[in-house]
Amino acid sequence: MTISPESAQQAMLVRLSQLQQQAQGGVAITPAVEQGSFGELMKTTVRAINHEQVQASSLMTAVETGASEDLVGAMLASQKAGLSFSTLVQVRNKMMTAFDDIMRMPL
């Protein structure tokens, strides 16, 4: 069974169109906890980022073992998880700097 170049090209164009629509959708930021403490918000955020990391890892493993051919989807999930983690680290660094500044304030 051979695939014609036209059908392969059409399939690629459809996939690129889907990816473009997904990329244009942007990232929806929704509050993780509507009411509650800052600690609960942080716990929920860390759990969500961990879930993204695990999901990206499983997608990459599926591509590496040949169970899936969605390399683009796996790379997007990996980049999204990496970006989320980097953002979390930056928030933590800012919080630690603010805490140090507060502790150094004269009474």
Protein backbone atom coordinates (compact mmCIF):
# COMPACT_ATOMS: atom_id res chain seq x y z
CA MET A 1 0.00 0.00 0.00
CA THR A 2 1.50 3.29 -1.09
CA ILE A 3 0.45 6.75 -0.09
CA SER A 4 0.35 9.33 -2.81
CA PRO A 5 2.34 12.53 -2.28
CA GLU A 6 -0.85 14.55 -2.59
CA SER A 7 -2.61 12.70 0.24
CA ALA A 8 0.50 12.90 2.44
CA GLN A 9 0.71 16.62 1.77
CA GLN A 10 -2.99 17.04 2.54
CA ALA A 11 -2.60 15.14 5.81
CA MET A 12 0.34 17.34 6.78
CA LEU A 13 -1.61 20.50 5.96
CA VAL A 14 -4.54 19.33 8.10
CA ARG A 15 -2.18 18.57 11.02
CA LEU A 16 -0.45 21.95 10.67
CA SER A 17 -3.83 23.66 10.62
CA GLN A 18 -4.81 21.86 13.83
CA LEU A 19 -1.54 22.85 15.51
CA GLN A 20 -1.97 26.44 14.38
CA GLN A 21 -5.45 26.59 15.87
CA GLN A 22 -4.14 25.09 19.10
CA ALA A 23 -1.29 27.61 19.25
CA GLN A 24 -3.58 30.56 18.56
CA GLY A 25 -5.88 29.46 21.35
CA GLY A 26 -3.22 30.52 23.83
CA VAL A 27 -3.00 29.40 27.39
CA ALA A 28 -6.10 29.84 29.47
CA ILE A 29 -5.24 30.96 32.97
CA THR A 30 -7.88 29.93 35.43
CA PRO A 31 -7.67 30.23 39.17
CA ALA A 32 -6.73 26.91 40.69
CA VAL A 33 -8.53 27.63 43.94
CA GLU A 34 -11.43 30.05 44.07
CA GLN A 35 -11.28 30.60 47.80
CA GLY A 36 -8.69 29.49 50.26
CA SER A 37 -5.23 30.17 51.43
CA PHE A 38 -2.15 30.98 49.43
CA GLY A 39 -0.70 27.65 50.53
CA GLU A 40 -3.62 25.77 48.98
CA LEU A 41 -3.16 27.72 45.75
CA MET A 42 0.53 26.80 45.66
CA LYS A 43 -0.19 23.13 46.38
CA THR A 44 -2.73 23.00 43.57
CA THR A 45 -0.36 24.73 41.18
CA VAL A 46 2.53 22.40 42.01
CA ARG A 47 0.26 19.38 41.50
CA ALA A 48 -0.90 20.73 38.11
CA ILE A 49 2.68 21.35 36.98
CA ASN A 50 3.67 17.87 38.15
CA HIS A 51 0.77 16.42 36.16
CA GLU A 52 1.99 18.28 33.04
CA GLN A 53 5.50 16.91 33.59
CA VAL A 54 4.23 13.33 33.96
CA GLN A 55 1.99 13.65 30.90
CA ALA A 56 4.84 15.06 28.78
CA SER A 57 7.12 12.27 29.97
CA SER A 58 4.60 9.59 29.03
CA LEU A 59 4.09 11.14 25.59
CA MET A 60 7.84 11.24 25.00
CA THR A 61 8.18 7.62 26.13
CA ALA A 62 5.40 6.60 23.74
CA VAL A 63 7.19 8.28 20.86
CA GLU A 64 10.54 6.74 21.81
CA THR A 65 9.11 3.22 22.04
CA GLY A 66 7.19 3.57 18.80
CA ALA A 67 3.76 3.37 20.40
CA SER A 68 2.94 6.82 19.04
CA GLU A 69 4.04 8.85 16.05
CA ASP A 70 2.91 12.21 17.47
CA LEU A 71 6.37 13.70 17.91
CA VAL A 72 5.08 17.25 17.53
CA GLY A 73 2.46 16.77 20.25
CA ALA A 74 5.04 15.23 22.56
CA MET A 75 7.46 18.10 21.98
CA LEU A 76 4.73 20.68 22.59
CA ALA A 77 3.75 18.97 25.84
CA SER A 78 7.39 18.85 26.88
CA GLN A 79 7.93 22.54 26.12
CA LYS A 80 4.73 23.49 27.94
CA ALA A 81 5.76 21.48 31.01
CA GLY A 82 9.23 23.03 30.95
CA LEU A 83 7.82 26.53 30.68
CA SER A 84 5.40 25.91 33.54
CA PHE A 85 8.22 24.62 35.72
CA SER A 86 10.46 27.59 34.86
CA THR A 87 7.63 29.97 35.76
CA LEU A 88 7.12 28.19 39.08
CA VAL A 89 10.83 28.50 39.87
CA GLN A 90 10.77 32.22 39.06
CA VAL A 91 7.73 32.75 41.30
CA ARG A 92 9.50 30.88 44.09
CA ASN A 93 12.62 33.02 43.65
CA LYS A 94 10.56 36.23 43.79
CA MET A 95 8.78 35.01 46.92
CA MET A 96 12.07 34.17 48.63
CA THR A 97 13.48 37.59 47.73
CA ALA A 98 10.38 39.30 49.11
CA PHE A 99 10.58 37.22 52.30
CA ASP A 100 14.25 38.15 52.75
CA ASP A 101 13.42 41.82 52.20
CA ILE A 102 10.69 41.67 54.83
CA MET A 103 12.98 39.93 57.31
CA ARG A 104 15.64 42.65 56.83
CA MET A 105 13.22 45.52 57.51
CA PRO A 106 14.00 47.42 60.67
CA LEU A 107 11.29 47.39 63.31
